[in-house]
Amino acid sequence: MKYYVEGELRNFIFVGEAKRNANMLTCKQLDVVEEMLEEIEPNEGWSETAINDMFWFDFDTICRWLGYESQGELVKEIKNNRV
């Protein structure tokens, strides 16, 4: 059985390392990522596993979508803004 749910990425329940990565992003950034994911959405849609894998194993791609060269650059900006 397949069960599909449509919702906003900002309300998605991430797990593991994907949760840590997603928590670094603002709601506005998550909205941008959601738009990008919709553009490359597979015919069968995104599974929970695929979304988590993207945020866990391919977070550098997500960071590039947001204008950063890498996850390290995003982390650096977050640290600079907290000071």
C-alpha atoms as a PDB file:
ATOM      1  CA  MET A   1       0.000   0.000   0.000  1.00  0.00           C
ATOM      2  CA  LYS A   2       1.197   3.497  -0.779  1.00  0.00           C
ATOM      3  CA  TYR A   3       0.048   6.460   1.247  1.00  0.00           C
ATOM      4  CA  TYR A   4       0.657   9.998   0.010  1.00  0.00           C
ATOM      5  CA  VAL A   5       0.372  13.212   1.967  1.00  0.00           C
ATOM      6  CA  GLU A   6       0.679  16.701   0.570  1.00  0.00           C
ATOM      7  CA  GLY A   7       2.082  19.324   2.894  1.00  0.00           C
ATOM      8  CA  GLU A   8       4.591  22.081   3.353  1.00  0.00           C
ATOM      9  CA  LEU A   9       8.236  21.183   3.812  1.00  0.00           C
ATOM     10  CA  ARG A  10       8.411  23.410   6.892  1.00  0.00           C
ATOM     11  CA  ASN A  11       5.965  20.998   8.595  1.00  0.00           C
ATOM     12  CA  PHE A  12       7.815  17.844   7.545  1.00  0.00           C
ATOM     13  CA  ILE A  13       9.112  15.644  10.362  1.00  0.00           C
ATOM     14  CA  PHE A  14      12.788  15.095   9.601  1.00  0.00           C
ATOM     15  CA  VAL A  15      14.814  12.393  11.350  1.00  0.00           C
ATOM     16  CA  GLY A  16      18.476  11.827  12.135  1.00  0.00           C
ATOM     17  CA  GLU A  17      21.075  14.056  10.533  1.00  0.00           C
ATOM     18  CA  ALA A  18      18.409  15.416   8.176  1.00  0.00           C
ATOM     19  CA  LYS A  19      16.664  16.948  11.192  1.00  0.00           C
ATOM     20  CA  ARG A  20      19.850  18.687  12.311  1.00  0.00           C
ATOM     21  CA  ASN A  21      20.409  20.049   8.817  1.00  0.00           C
ATOM     22  CA  ALA A  22      16.803  21.171   8.335  1.00  0.00           C
ATOM     23  CA  ASN A  23      16.869  22.938  11.706  1.00  0.00           C
ATOM     24  CA  MET A  24      19.632  25.200  10.392  1.00  0.00           C
ATOM     25  CA  LEU A  25      17.261  26.660   7.807  1.00  0.00           C
ATOM     26  CA  THR A  26      14.685  29.404   8.235  1.00  0.00           C
ATOM     27  CA  CYS A  27      11.070  28.918   7.174  1.00  0.00           C
ATOM     28  CA  LYS A  28      11.754  31.155   4.178  1.00  0.00           C
ATOM     29  CA  GLN A  29      14.720  28.990   3.165  1.00  0.00           C
ATOM     30  CA  LEU A  30      12.628  25.833   3.547  1.00  0.00           C
ATOM     31  CA  ASP A  31      10.047  27.403   1.231  1.00  0.00           C
ATOM     32  CA  VAL A  32      12.766  27.976  -1.388  1.00  0.00           C
ATOM     33  CA  VAL A  33      13.929  24.369  -1.034  1.00  0.00           C
ATOM     34  CA  GLU A  34      10.329  23.183  -1.367  1.00  0.00           C
ATOM     35  CA  GLU A  35      10.016  25.078  -4.662  1.00  0.00           C
ATOM     36  CA  MET A  36      13.231  23.503  -5.922  1.00  0.00           C
ATOM     37  CA  LEU A  37      12.091  20.019  -4.893  1.00  0.00           C
ATOM     38  CA  GLU A  38       8.802  20.559  -6.723  1.00  0.00           C
ATOM     39  CA  GLU A  39      10.739  21.417  -9.895  1.00  0.00           C
ATOM     40  CA  ILE A  40      12.658  18.131  -9.805  1.00  0.00           C
ATOM     41  CA  GLU A  41       9.879  16.012  -8.286  1.00  0.00           C
ATOM     42  CA  PRO A  42       9.858  12.403  -9.481  1.00  0.00           C
ATOM     43  CA  ASN A  43       6.692  11.167 -11.242  1.00  0.00           C
ATOM     44  CA  GLU A  44       5.704   9.185  -8.168  1.00  0.00           C
ATOM     45  CA  GLY A  45       6.315  12.159  -5.869  1.00  0.00           C
ATOM     46  CA  TRP A  46       8.753  12.478  -3.000  1.00  0.00           C
ATOM     47  CA  SER A  47       8.776   9.772  -0.349  1.00  0.00           C
ATOM     48  CA  GLU A  48       9.602  10.563   3.275  1.00  0.00           C
ATOM     49  CA  THR A  49      12.785   8.549   2.866  1.00  0.00           C
ATOM     50  CA  ALA A  50      13.834  10.468  -0.252  1.00  0.00           C
ATOM     51  CA  ILE A  51      13.263  13.833   1.452  1.00  0.00           C
ATOM     52  CA  ASN A  52      15.234  12.752   4.513  1.00  0.00           C
ATOM     53  CA  ASP A  53      18.009  11.353   2.323  1.00  0.00           C
ATOM     54  CA  MET A  54      18.222  14.630   0.400  1.00  0.00           C
ATOM     55  CA  PHE A  55      18.600  16.622   3.622  1.00  0.00           C
ATOM     56  CA  TRP A  56      21.002  14.070   5.112  1.00  0.00           C
ATOM     57  CA  PHE A  57      23.263  12.989   2.253  1.00  0.00           C
ATOM     58  CA  ASP A  58      22.889  15.799  -0.295  1.00  0.00           C
ATOM     59  CA  PHE A  59      22.618  18.864   1.926  1.00  0.00           C
ATOM     60  CA  ASP A  60      25.384  20.629  -0.022  1.00  0.00           C
ATOM     61  CA  THR A  61      23.030  20.692  -3.026  1.00  0.00           C
ATOM     62  CA  ILE A  62      20.327  22.260  -0.877  1.00  0.00           C
ATOM     63  CA  CYS A  63      22.838  24.821   0.381  1.00  0.00           C
ATOM     64  CA  ARG A  64      23.796  25.679  -3.206  1.00  0.00           C
ATOM     65  CA  TRP A  65      20.104  26.217  -4.045  1.00  0.00           C
ATOM     66  CA  LEU A  66      20.101  28.780  -1.235  1.00  0.00           C
ATOM     67  CA  GLY A  67      23.182  30.574  -2.563  1.00  0.00           C
ATOM     68  CA  TYR A  68      25.878  28.976  -0.390  1.00  0.00           C
ATOM     69  CA  GLU A  69      28.883  27.124  -1.778  1.00  0.00           C
ATOM     70  CA  SER A  70      28.509  24.357   0.792  1.00  0.00           C
ATOM     71  CA  GLN A  71      27.052  23.369   4.135  1.00  0.00           C
ATOM     72  CA  GLY A  72      30.194  24.759   5.749  1.00  0.00           C
ATOM     73  CA  GLU A  73      29.468  28.216   4.357  1.00  0.00           C
ATOM     74  CA  LEU A  74      25.904  28.073   5.726  1.00  0.00           C
ATOM     75  CA  VAL A  75      27.187  27.045   9.161  1.00  0.00           C
ATOM     76  CA  LYS A  76      29.750  29.856   9.087  1.00  0.00           C
ATOM     77  CA  GLU A  77      27.046  32.425   8.306  1.00  0.00           C
ATOM     78  CA  ILE A  78      24.819  31.099  11.087  1.00  0.00           C
ATOM     79  CA  LYS A  79      27.692  31.359  13.596  1.00  0.00           C
ATOM     80  CA  ASN A  80      28.532  34.904  12.448  1.00  0.00           C
ATOM     81  CA  ASN A  81      24.920  36.014  12.842  1.00  0.00           C
ATOM     82  CA  ARG A  82      24.739  34.664  16.393  1.00  0.00           C
ATOM     83  CA  VAL A  83      27.690  36.742  17.582  1.00  0.00           C
END
